[in-house]
Protein backbone atom coordinates (compact mmCIF):
# COMPACT_ATOMS: atom_id res chain seq x y z
CA MET A 1 -0.26 0.52 -0.21
CA ASN A 2 1.66 3.04 -1.14
CA THR A 3 0.60 5.89 1.28
CA LEU A 4 2.79 8.43 0.05
CA PRO A 5 1.51 11.80 -1.82
CA THR A 6 1.69 11.82 -5.27
CA LYS A 7 4.08 14.38 -6.49
CA ARG A 8 2.11 17.24 -8.41
CA ASP A 9 3.23 19.01 -11.65
CA THR A 10 5.39 22.14 -11.65
CA PRO A 11 5.07 24.76 -13.64
CA THR A 12 8.12 25.15 -16.41
CA ARG A 13 6.86 29.13 -17.34
CA THR A 14 5.71 31.82 -14.82
CA THR A 15 2.17 33.81 -17.11
CA ASP A 16 2.20 37.08 -16.76
CA ASP A 17 -0.09 37.01 -12.70
CA GLU A 18 3.50 35.45 -11.46
CA ALA A 19 5.42 37.39 -12.74
CA ALA A 20 8.84 38.88 -10.24
CA PRO A 21 7.70 42.44 -9.49
CA THR A 22 10.40 45.24 -10.67
CA TRP A 23 12.85 46.77 -7.61
CA GLN A 24 10.30 49.81 -8.30
CA GLU A 25 7.50 47.94 -6.70
CA LEU A 26 9.45 46.19 -4.26
CA GLY A 27 10.68 49.42 -2.91
CA ASP A 28 6.84 51.15 -2.97
CA ARG A 29 6.04 47.81 -0.70
CA PHE A 30 8.36 47.93 1.63
CA ARG A 31 8.06 52.51 2.01
CA ASP A 32 3.90 51.45 2.76
CA VAL A 33 5.37 49.28 5.00
CA LEU A 34 7.21 51.51 6.77
CA LYS A 35 4.45 53.63 7.13
CA GLU A 36 1.99 51.44 8.14
CA LEU A 37 4.68 49.92 11.07
CA GLY A 38 4.97 53.85 11.82
CA ALA A 39 1.40 54.94 12.52
CA GLU A 40 1.64 52.34 14.37
CA LEU A 41 4.41 52.36 16.81
CA GLU A 42 4.25 56.21 16.72
CA PRO A 43 1.69 56.62 19.76
CA LYS A 44 4.75 53.67 21.37
CA LEU A 45 7.36 55.74 20.62
CA VAL A 46 6.79 59.34 21.52
CA PRO A 47 6.29 59.33 24.72
CA PHE A 48 9.74 57.20 24.91
CA LEU A 49 11.74 59.84 23.19
CA ASN A 50 10.17 63.13 25.10
CA ARG A 51 11.38 60.75 28.43
CA VAL A 52 14.34 60.53 26.04
CA LYS A 53 14.37 63.91 25.19
CA ARG A 54 14.09 64.85 29.01
CA GLU A 55 16.85 62.30 30.56
CA LEU A 56 19.59 64.10 28.60
CA GLU A 57 18.41 67.19 29.56
CA THR A 58 18.71 67.10 32.67
CA LEU A 59 22.07 65.59 32.23
CA ILE A 60 22.81 67.76 29.76
CA ASP A 61 22.44 71.03 32.52
CA LYS A 62 24.72 68.78 35.13
CA LEU A 63 27.35 68.40 32.63
CA GLU A 64 27.82 72.39 32.18
CA GLN A 65 27.09 72.69 35.84
CA ARG A 66 29.54 70.34 36.67
CA ALA A 67 31.57 72.77 34.01
CA ARG A 68 31.08 75.92 35.27
CA ARG A 69 32.33 75.21 38.95
CA ARG A 70 35.18 74.13 38.15
CA GLU A 71 35.82 77.10 35.56
CA ARG A 72 35.04 78.91 38.71
CA ASP A 73 37.56 76.89 42.06
CA PRO A 74 39.86 75.24 38.86
CA ASP A 75 41.63 73.47 42.61
CA ASP A 76 39.10 71.47 43.83
CA GLY A 77 38.51 69.61 40.44
């Protein structure tokens, strides 16, 4: 008893419907996917990026204060 499936015939040539997309079409598809992904991620990323910006501004302020203190009191550093 043979339980293996029969081998399918593979098409020897592609039809116009199955033709490979051009580089332009691939680029357009990729751009569309990135836009959709950006639209999905934006509500999550904006608050995160704002928090990172605040943290960086705080660190920059601290470094500037440290630099000003060292300029006033060069012997303390």
